[in-house]
Each structure stands twice: as structure tokens, then as C-alpha cells.
Amino acid sequence: MLVASGILDQRITINRLTVARGALGGHDETWAPYATVWAQMQDMTGREIFQAKAMGSAATKLFTIRYLAGVKPAMQVVAPDGTVCRIEWIRSVTRKEYLELYCLVLDDD
């Protein structure tokens, strides 16, 4: 799969969970930026969602990015419109040239 650079037209931020000691000695968990990258963003079709569920995932969005070491499931993706998604699973494409991030949109309403 060859992805033309013009297809990676959405700027996304990948966040990771960080834990810091709180003022009262407890632990505070916050999301901190891991990387800001160019991506292709797609809503998954009904068939793709069905296939993802068969694999035990609830993914609804697919982000394709250039390969980036250290990206893991449970990290978050923040889309250009502010939508926050949790990475459910990751597929490395074409000998570590690209990553496909299968994500679930988080509803914070």
C-alpha cells in the first residue's frame, strides 16, 4: 500500500497518558501530547466496523500515518475538529512505512 503524501492532509495529535504525583501525595493522570503528525482520516464503513467487531474491537475511525515508533493502543488521537478517539488497535503497513490506527470515538457528553 503506497500512500501519497497529499493524502495525509489532516493534522492530528497523538496523546499518551501520564501519571504525576499530586499535591496531596496521590497520583494525577493527564493526557500529554506524544506527537503531532499528518494523517489520512476516514470514517469506517458498516462492513469495516462489522469486521473490526469480529476481531474484538469497537473501532469507528481509521487514521493512516507515516510510521512512528512508540504508538500504542489506549493512546488517544485528537482530530482537527477536536474529536477525541481512543486507539483500539494498530496495523503496521508495508514494512513499517505506515501505521493504520483503528480508533473508537469517545463521547464525553
Protein backbone atom coordinates (compact mmCIF):
# COMPACT_ATOMS: atom_id res chain seq x y z
CA MET A 1 0.00 0.00 0.00
CA LEU A 2 1.53 3.24 -1.11
CA VAL A 3 0.04 6.38 0.41
CA ALA A 4 0.73 9.60 -1.45
CA SER A 5 1.84 12.40 0.83
CA GLY A 6 -1.04 14.58 -0.41
CA ILE A 7 -3.49 12.09 1.07
CA LEU A 8 -2.09 12.74 4.56
CA ASP A 9 -3.92 16.05 4.75
CA GLN A 10 -5.22 16.17 8.32
CA ARG A 11 -3.08 17.32 11.27
CA ILE A 12 -3.73 15.13 14.31
CA THR A 13 -2.23 14.94 17.79
CA ILE A 14 -1.49 11.62 19.45
CA ASN A 15 -1.68 11.80 23.25
CA ARG A 16 -0.35 9.43 25.88
CA LEU A 17 -1.47 9.03 29.48
CA THR A 18 1.00 10.42 32.00
CA VAL A 19 0.95 9.94 35.75
CA ALA A 20 2.36 12.55 38.11
CA ARG A 21 2.44 12.83 41.88
CA GLY A 22 -0.36 15.09 43.03
CA ALA A 23 -0.11 17.87 45.62
CA LEU A 24 -1.62 15.65 48.30
CA GLY A 25 0.63 12.68 47.54
CA GLY A 26 -1.79 10.88 45.24
CA HIS A 27 -1.41 10.32 41.53
CA ASP A 28 -2.84 12.60 38.87
CA GLU A 29 -3.44 11.15 35.41
CA THR A 30 -3.38 13.56 32.48
CA TRP A 31 -3.14 13.28 28.71
CA ALA A 32 0.02 14.80 27.25
CA PRO A 33 0.98 15.23 23.59
CA TYR A 34 3.15 12.42 22.23
CA ALA A 35 3.35 13.58 18.61
CA THR A 36 1.60 15.82 16.11
CA VAL A 37 1.57 14.25 12.65
CA TRP A 38 -0.11 14.38 9.25
CA ALA A 39 -2.77 11.73 8.70
CA GLN A 40 -5.49 10.50 6.43
CA MET A 41 -8.74 10.35 8.40
CA GLN A 42 -11.60 8.07 7.38
CA ASP A 43 -14.91 7.08 8.90
CA MET A 44 -15.12 3.32 8.76
CA THR A 45 -17.92 1.77 6.70
CA GLY A 46 -20.53 -0.57 8.18
CA ARG A 47 -18.71 -3.58 6.77
CA GLU A 48 -15.34 -2.47 8.22
CA ILE A 49 -16.95 -1.86 11.62
CA PHE A 50 -18.52 -5.33 11.49
CA GLN A 51 -15.13 -6.88 10.67
CA ALA A 52 -13.48 -4.92 13.49
CA LYS A 53 -16.10 -6.15 15.95
CA ALA A 54 -15.40 -9.72 14.83
CA MET A 55 -11.81 -9.10 15.93
CA GLY A 56 -12.98 -7.80 19.32
CA SER A 57 -12.67 -4.09 18.54
CA ALA A 58 -15.22 -1.28 18.57
CA ALA A 59 -13.27 0.94 16.14
CA THR A 60 -15.22 3.51 14.12
CA LYS A 61 -12.47 5.75 12.64
CA LEU A 62 -9.30 4.93 10.77
CA PHE A 63 -6.23 7.18 10.76
CA THR A 64 -3.30 6.40 8.46
CA ILE A 65 0.03 7.99 9.43
CA ARG A 66 3.66 7.56 8.48
CA TYR A 67 5.36 5.00 10.71
CA LEU A 68 6.04 6.36 14.19
CA ALA A 69 7.72 4.23 16.84
CA GLY A 70 6.10 4.06 20.27
CA VAL A 71 2.46 4.48 19.25
CA LYS A 72 0.36 2.04 21.30
CA PRO A 73 -3.26 1.03 21.78
CA ALA A 74 -5.04 3.02 24.51
CA MET A 75 -3.31 6.24 23.40
CA GLN A 76 -5.62 8.97 22.15
CA VAL A 77 -5.93 10.75 18.83
CA VAL A 78 -7.29 14.28 18.70
CA ALA A 79 -8.72 15.03 15.25
CA PRO A 80 -8.60 18.51 13.66
CA ASP A 81 -12.22 19.16 14.70
CA GLY A 82 -11.42 18.36 18.35
CA THR A 83 -12.94 14.87 18.31
CA VAL A 84 -11.10 12.59 20.75
CA CYS A 85 -10.61 8.94 19.81
CA ARG A 86 -9.01 6.03 21.66
CA ILE A 87 -6.66 3.83 19.63
CA GLU A 88 -8.15 0.32 19.74
CA TRP A 89 -5.57 -1.47 17.61
CA ILE A 90 -2.74 -0.70 15.23
CA ARG A 91 -1.67 -2.29 11.97
CA SER A 92 1.81 -1.74 10.56
CA VAL A 93 1.66 -1.44 6.78
CA THR A 94 4.35 -2.09 4.18
CA ARG A 95 7.43 -2.85 6.25
CA LYS A 96 6.95 -0.07 8.78
CA GLU A 97 6.22 2.67 6.28
CA TYR A 98 2.76 3.47 7.61
CA LEU A 99 0.55 2.77 10.60
CA GLU A 100 -3.19 2.32 10.46
CA LEU A 101 -4.76 3.42 13.73
CA TYR A 102 -8.18 1.89 14.28
CA CYS A 103 -9.93 4.17 16.76
CA LEU A 104 -13.12 4.50 18.77
CA VAL A 105 -14.65 7.96 19.08
CA LEU A 106 -15.03 8.84 22.77
CA ASP A 107 -18.32 10.51 23.66
CA ASP A 108 -17.77 12.93 26.53
CA ASP A 109 -21.26 14.43 26.53
